[in-house]
Protein backbone atom coordinates (compact mmCIF):
# COMPACT_ATOMS: atom_id res chain seq x y z
CA MET A 1 -8.27 15.28 7.01
CA ILE A 2 -10.03 13.52 9.89
CA ALA A 3 -7.85 15.23 12.51
CA SER A 4 -8.58 18.60 10.92
CA ILE A 5 -12.34 17.98 10.95
CA LEU A 6 -12.34 16.81 14.57
CA GLY A 7 -10.02 19.56 15.77
CA TYR A 8 -7.12 17.32 16.79
CA GLY A 9 -3.50 18.29 16.37
CA PHE A 10 -1.76 15.81 14.10
CA ASP A 11 1.96 15.29 13.63
CA PHE A 12 3.05 13.18 10.70
CA VAL A 13 6.36 11.32 10.46
CA ALA A 14 7.59 10.23 7.04
CA PRO A 15 10.85 9.46 5.20
CA GLU A 16 12.38 12.63 3.76
CA ASN A 17 11.94 11.31 0.21
CA ILE A 18 8.14 11.15 0.49
CA ALA A 19 6.33 12.46 -2.60
CA ARG A 20 6.20 16.28 -2.60
CA THR A 21 2.48 16.35 -3.44
CA LYS A 22 1.76 14.31 -0.29
CA ILE A 23 3.75 16.75 1.83
CA GLU A 24 1.81 19.68 0.40
CA ALA A 25 -1.54 18.00 1.06
CA ILE A 26 -0.64 17.10 4.65
CA ALA A 27 0.59 20.63 5.34
CA ALA A 28 -2.59 22.10 3.82
CA TYR A 29 -4.65 20.29 6.48
CA GLY A 30 -2.58 22.08 9.14
CA SER A 31 -0.46 19.10 10.21
CA ARG A 32 3.21 19.26 11.13
CA ILE A 33 5.62 16.93 9.36
CA PHE A 34 8.75 15.37 10.83
CA PHE A 35 11.18 13.76 8.42
CA SER A 36 13.14 10.59 9.08
CA PRO A 37 16.17 9.51 6.98
CA ALA A 38 15.17 8.37 3.50
CA LYS A 39 17.50 5.37 3.62
CA GLU A 40 15.63 3.98 6.65
CA GLY A 41 12.30 3.93 4.80
CA SER A 42 9.05 3.33 6.66
CA ASP A 43 10.90 1.51 9.47
CA GLY A 44 12.81 4.69 10.31
CA ALA A 45 9.62 6.77 10.30
CA ARG A 46 7.93 4.26 12.58
CA ARG A 47 10.82 4.37 15.04
CA MET A 48 10.80 8.17 15.10
CA ALA A 49 7.04 8.26 15.73
CA ALA A 50 7.38 5.76 18.57
CA GLU A 51 10.20 7.80 20.12
CA LEU A 52 8.12 10.98 20.00
CA ALA A 53 5.23 9.23 21.74
CA PHE A 54 7.57 7.73 24.36
CA ARG A 55 9.22 11.08 25.15
CA LYS A 56 5.93 13.01 25.26
CA PRO A 57 3.20 10.62 26.43
CA ASN A 58 0.90 13.51 27.38
CA ASP A 59 1.12 15.00 23.89
CA TYR A 60 0.93 11.96 21.63
CA TYR A 61 -1.06 8.83 21.05
CA TYR A 62 0.88 6.54 18.73
CA LEU A 63 -1.52 4.75 16.37
CA ASN A 64 1.10 2.25 15.07
CA GLN A 65 -0.81 0.77 12.16
CA TYR A 66 1.83 -1.97 11.84
CA ALA A 67 0.71 -3.53 15.12
CA ASN A 68 -2.87 -2.28 15.44
CA ASP A 69 -5.52 -4.99 14.97
CA LEU A 70 -8.04 -2.33 13.97
CA ASN A 71 -6.00 -2.03 10.77
CA TRP A 72 -6.67 -5.51 9.40
CA CYS A 73 -10.13 -5.72 11.01
CA SER A 74 -11.29 -2.73 8.93
CA HIS A 75 -10.59 -4.75 5.77
CA LEU A 76 -13.02 -7.51 6.67
CA THR A 77 -15.51 -5.12 5.10
CA THR A 78 -13.33 -4.94 1.98
CA ALA A 79 -13.41 -8.74 1.78
CA HIS A 80 -17.21 -8.74 2.04
CA GLU A 81 -17.50 -6.13 -0.73
CA ILE A 82 -15.24 -8.18 -3.03
CA TYR A 83 -17.21 -11.37 -2.35
CA VAL A 84 -20.57 -9.71 -2.99
CA GLN A 85 -19.48 -7.80 -6.10
CA THR A 86 -17.98 -10.94 -7.66
CA GLN A 87 -21.14 -12.85 -6.71
CA GLY A 88 -19.06 -15.30 -4.70
CA ARG A 89 -16.97 -16.30 -7.73
CA ILE A 90 -13.72 -14.76 -6.47
CA SER A 91 -10.90 -17.32 -6.65
CA ARG A 92 -7.76 -15.23 -6.06
CA VAL A 93 -6.79 -11.74 -4.95
CA TYR A 94 -3.53 -9.83 -5.47
CA VAL A 95 -2.71 -7.25 -2.80
CA GLY A 96 0.31 -5.11 -1.97
CA LEU A 97 2.12 -5.66 1.33
CA GLY A 98 2.91 -2.63 3.47
CA THR A 99 1.64 -2.84 7.02
CA GLY A 100 -0.04 -6.10 6.03
CA GLY A 101 -3.44 -4.80 7.10
CA THR A 102 -5.22 -5.02 3.75
CA ALA A 103 -3.82 -8.44 2.87
CA ILE A 104 -4.63 -9.98 6.25
CA GLY A 105 -8.08 -8.45 6.61
CA VAL A 106 -9.12 -9.27 3.05
CA GLY A 107 -7.53 -12.71 3.27
CA ARG A 108 -9.19 -13.68 6.52
CA GLY A 109 -12.52 -12.32 5.39
CA LEU A 110 -12.50 -14.16 2.07
CA LYS A 111 -11.11 -17.43 3.43
CA ALA A 112 -13.86 -17.44 6.07
CA LYS A 113 -16.33 -17.61 3.18
CA ASP A 114 -14.28 -20.00 1.00
CA SER A 115 -11.00 -21.47 2.22
CA SER A 116 -9.89 -22.23 -1.36
CA ILE A 117 -9.57 -18.53 -2.26
CA GLU A 118 -5.92 -17.72 -2.90
CA VAL A 119 -4.27 -14.60 -1.45
CA ILE A 120 -1.18 -13.40 -3.32
CA GLY A 121 0.93 -10.76 -1.58
CA VAL A 122 3.02 -8.30 -3.61
CA MET A 123 6.16 -6.61 -2.33
CA PRO A 124 9.23 -4.77 -3.69
CA ASP A 125 12.21 -6.93 -4.63
CA SER A 126 14.67 -4.95 -2.47
CA LEU A 127 14.92 -2.79 0.65
CA ASP A 128 16.07 0.14 -1.50
CA HIS A 129 12.89 0.68 -3.51
CA LYS A 130 10.66 3.54 -4.66
CA LEU A 131 7.29 1.81 -4.28
CA TYR A 132 5.85 4.06 -1.59
CA GLY A 133 3.33 2.33 0.65
CA LEU A 134 4.80 -1.11 0.03
CA LYS A 135 7.45 -2.81 2.11
CA HIS A 136 10.21 -5.31 1.37
CA ILE A 137 9.50 -7.66 4.25
CA THR A 138 12.27 -9.60 5.94
CA GLN A 139 12.33 -11.62 9.11
CA SER A 140 13.75 -8.65 11.02
CA ASN A 141 11.21 -6.04 9.90
CA GLU A 142 8.03 -8.09 9.55
CA PRO A 143 4.94 -6.14 10.74
CA PRO A 144 3.38 -7.69 13.88
CA ILE A 145 -0.08 -7.94 12.28
CA LEU A 146 1.21 -9.81 9.22
CA ASP A 147 0.07 -13.43 9.41
CA ARG A 148 1.88 -15.44 6.74
CA ASN A 149 -0.62 -18.30 7.20
CA VAL A 150 -3.19 -16.10 5.45
CA ILE A 151 -0.96 -15.37 2.45
CA ASP A 152 -0.60 -18.25 0.01
CA ARG A 153 2.17 -16.78 -2.14
CA ILE A 154 4.35 -13.67 -2.33
CA ILE A 155 5.51 -12.17 -5.61
CA GLU A 156 8.39 -9.66 -5.63
CA VAL A 157 8.50 -6.91 -8.26
CA SER A 158 11.01 -4.25 -9.30
CA ASP A 159 10.55 -0.47 -9.40
CA LYS A 160 10.99 -0.48 -13.17
CA ASP A 161 8.37 -3.16 -13.80
CA SER A 162 5.93 -1.43 -11.44
CA ILE A 163 6.24 1.98 -13.13
CA THR A 164 5.99 0.35 -16.56
CA ALA A 165 2.82 -1.40 -15.42
CA ALA A 166 1.39 1.89 -14.12
CA ILE A 167 2.01 3.47 -17.54
CA ARG A 168 0.33 0.51 -19.19
CA LEU A 169 -2.71 0.94 -16.92
CA ALA A 170 -2.91 4.63 -17.85
CA LYS A 171 -3.43 3.55 -21.46
CA LEU A 172 -6.40 1.52 -20.20
CA GLY A 173 -7.86 4.53 -18.40
CA LEU A 174 -6.61 3.83 -14.86
CA LEU A 175 -4.33 6.55 -13.48
CA VAL A 176 -2.65 4.74 -10.58
CA GLY A 177 0.53 5.11 -8.56
CA PRO A 178 3.60 2.92 -8.06
CA SER A 179 2.14 0.46 -5.55
CA SER A 180 -0.85 -0.25 -7.80
CA GLY A 181 1.52 -0.65 -10.71
CA ALA A 182 3.38 -3.23 -8.61
CA VAL A 183 0.20 -5.26 -8.08
CA TYR A 184 -0.52 -5.21 -11.81
CA ALA A 185 3.11 -6.14 -12.58
CA ALA A 186 2.87 -9.08 -10.20
CA TRP A 187 -0.30 -10.27 -11.91
CA LEU A 188 1.34 -10.00 -15.33
CA ALA A 189 4.34 -12.00 -14.10
CA ASP A 190 2.27 -14.74 -12.46
CA GLN A 191 1.99 -17.84 -14.65
CA ASN A 192 -1.08 -18.91 -12.68
CA ARG A 193 -3.07 -15.76 -13.46
CA THR A 194 -5.16 -17.40 -16.18
CA LYS A 195 -6.50 -20.18 -13.98
CA GLN A 196 -10.25 -20.53 -13.94
CA GLY A 197 -12.18 -18.20 -11.66
CA VAL A 198 -12.49 -14.49 -10.94
CA THR A 199 -9.39 -12.51 -10.00
CA THR A 200 -9.30 -9.25 -8.03
CA LEU A 201 -6.37 -6.82 -7.98
CA ILE A 202 -6.48 -4.34 -5.11
CA MET A 203 -5.08 -0.95 -6.11
CA HIS A 204 -4.55 1.42 -3.21
CA ASP A 205 -3.27 4.62 -4.77
CA ASP A 206 -3.71 7.40 -7.31
CA ALA A 207 -0.93 8.62 -9.62
CA ARG A 208 -1.74 12.25 -8.88
CA LYS A 209 -0.04 11.85 -5.48
CA TYR A 210 3.28 11.03 -7.12
CA GLN A 211 4.99 13.73 -9.18
CA SER A 212 7.62 11.44 -10.68
CA VAL A 213 4.99 9.03 -11.97
CA MET A 214 2.85 11.86 -13.31
CA GLN A 215 5.86 13.31 -15.13
CA ARG A 216 6.56 9.98 -16.82
CA LEU A 217 2.91 9.60 -17.78
CA SER A 218 2.54 13.16 -19.04
CA ARG A 219 5.69 12.99 -21.20
CA ARG A 220 3.94 10.35 -23.30
CA GLY A 221 1.21 12.82 -24.22
CA ILE A 222 3.26 15.98 -24.91
CA CYS A 223 3.47 16.97 -28.57
CA THR A 224 4.58 20.04 -30.47
CA ILE A 225 2.93 21.69 -33.46
């Protein structure tokens, strides 16, 4: 959207199993899409993007959100908004781990105000997952901007539990996607969730971007006369 408004060409690299609705939206803005192998996930897409920039340095500027400090720095504002809107009573925050930008920016921002605030990271329980936007982080694929000193605990969740949680949230009036369902699932599974204080769950996505989730949600409401 931003590239289209500013008149920049924009090439997008993504795993070939990316949600179809996302592909259609990106193409509608006039961007080209290059597909990396689905089995390589976001790591494969990142490698392909880096290779394109290396081969054609005059054509590309590689943003690399996994190693770009502007990523986490932008979420210092998010931390401030959470602190103000909870009137300083925030005690813990649950946030999905992908690039690590949201978790690190929010965590650093909140801990600068109150070091006792707990940051709980949420990630898929395996490399072969369907929780788009989140990342199963291992020692070999850890994003450079991810600072584990900021994250107090990490909770791993399954695809099934995350989708189930997203369906549960729809009943409450929140139509969210798989990564938000994962955050809610992690909160539900956390035995410490009822501790005193105010809890914030950061939900990054919208179910309308994900056909498979929408299909599961819509099947619940279909009836015949």
